[in-house]
Amino acid sequence: MSIIVPLHKWRSADPAILIGRRCIAQTDQDVIIDGRLELIRRPDGTATLRFQGIGNDIIDHDSNTCSNRMSDGIRSLAIYGKE
């Protein structure tokens, strides 16, 4: 039996360590999305995490403050450790 524990410090985590982790997000329209995260780095230095194969951003990374926040349209989320 395995126990999956949520990662509580995702707001201050380096986005690179969140790659491949399981995320369950709830949108503002109450849609639940469950999948693995992938990192997208942009030329302007910003980065976002999104679900693999889905184009919507889930987490925005601010490189100036080294912090993460939920993207617009995301109401809540949970990130889990790698299995």
Protein backbone atom coordinates (compact mmCIF):
# COMPACT_ATOMS: atom_id res chain seq x y z
CA MET A 1 0.00 0.00 0.00
CA SER A 2 1.36 3.43 -0.91
CA ILE A 3 0.35 6.74 0.56
CA ILE A 4 0.47 9.88 -1.58
CA VAL A 5 1.28 13.01 0.40
CA PRO A 6 0.60 16.52 -0.94
CA LEU A 7 3.59 18.80 -1.44
CA HIS A 8 2.73 21.81 0.75
CA LYS A 9 5.67 24.05 -0.18
CA TRP A 10 4.95 24.25 -3.91
CA ARG A 11 4.63 28.06 -3.71
CA SER A 12 8.34 28.41 -2.93
CA ALA A 13 9.65 25.37 -4.84
CA ASP A 14 11.99 25.64 -7.80
CA PRO A 15 9.69 24.93 -10.76
CA ALA A 16 12.19 22.40 -12.13
CA ILE A 17 11.54 20.04 -9.20
CA LEU A 18 7.81 20.09 -9.96
CA ILE A 19 8.30 18.55 -13.42
CA GLY A 20 6.54 15.20 -13.66
CA ARG A 21 4.71 15.55 -10.35
CA ARG A 22 1.04 14.70 -10.14
CA CYS A 23 -1.24 17.72 -9.84
CA ILE A 24 -4.97 17.92 -9.29
CA ALA A 25 -6.42 21.34 -10.08
CA GLN A 26 -9.90 22.82 -9.91
CA THR A 27 -10.74 25.60 -12.37
CA ASP A 28 -13.03 28.56 -11.73
CA GLN A 29 -15.67 26.63 -13.72
CA ASP A 30 -15.39 23.67 -11.27
CA VAL A 31 -13.62 21.41 -13.78
CA ILE A 32 -11.22 18.97 -12.10
CA ILE A 33 -8.00 18.20 -14.02
CA ASP A 34 -5.62 15.45 -12.90
CA GLY A 35 -2.27 14.94 -14.59
CA ARG A 36 1.50 15.38 -14.60
CA LEU A 37 3.20 18.78 -14.79
CA GLU A 38 5.59 20.01 -17.46
CA LEU A 39 7.69 23.17 -17.33
CA ILE A 40 7.53 25.82 -20.04
CA ARG A 41 10.31 28.45 -19.98
CA ARG A 42 9.72 31.56 -22.04
CA PRO A 43 12.36 33.79 -23.70
CA ASP A 44 11.48 36.71 -21.37
CA GLY A 45 12.62 34.68 -18.35
CA THR A 46 9.18 33.74 -17.05
CA ALA A 47 8.13 30.15 -16.57
CA THR A 48 4.86 28.29 -16.18
CA LEU A 49 3.85 24.78 -15.30
CA ARG A 50 1.03 23.11 -17.19
CA PHE A 51 -0.41 19.65 -17.54
CA GLN A 52 1.40 17.45 -20.04
CA GLY A 53 -0.55 17.53 -23.30
CA ILE A 54 -2.88 20.36 -22.20
CA GLY A 55 -2.15 23.97 -23.12
CA ASN A 56 -3.57 25.69 -20.03
CA ASP A 57 -1.12 27.19 -17.55
CA ILE A 58 -1.63 25.94 -13.99
CA ILE A 59 1.21 27.62 -12.08
CA ASP A 60 3.03 30.86 -12.88
CA HIS A 61 6.62 31.25 -11.65
CA ASP A 62 8.01 34.69 -10.77
CA SER A 63 11.78 34.53 -11.19
CA ASN A 64 12.24 37.89 -9.41
CA THR A 65 10.74 36.64 -6.13
CA CYS A 66 11.41 32.91 -6.73
CA SER A 67 7.77 32.18 -5.97
CA ASN A 68 4.90 30.36 -7.64
CA ARG A 69 1.21 31.21 -7.80
CA MET A 70 -1.88 29.68 -9.30
CA SER A 71 -2.52 30.87 -12.85
CA ASP A 72 -5.64 32.85 -13.71
CA GLY A 73 -8.65 30.55 -13.90
CA ILE A 74 -7.35 28.06 -11.32
CA ARG A 75 -9.25 28.01 -8.03
CA SER A 76 -7.30 25.37 -6.11
CA LEU A 77 -4.65 22.72 -6.62
CA ALA A 78 -2.68 20.01 -4.92
CA ILE A 79 0.74 18.75 -6.00
CA TYR A 80 1.96 15.32 -4.97
CA GLY A 81 5.40 13.74 -4.64
CA LYS A 82 6.79 11.61 -7.43
CA GLU A 83 5.66 8.01 -7.26
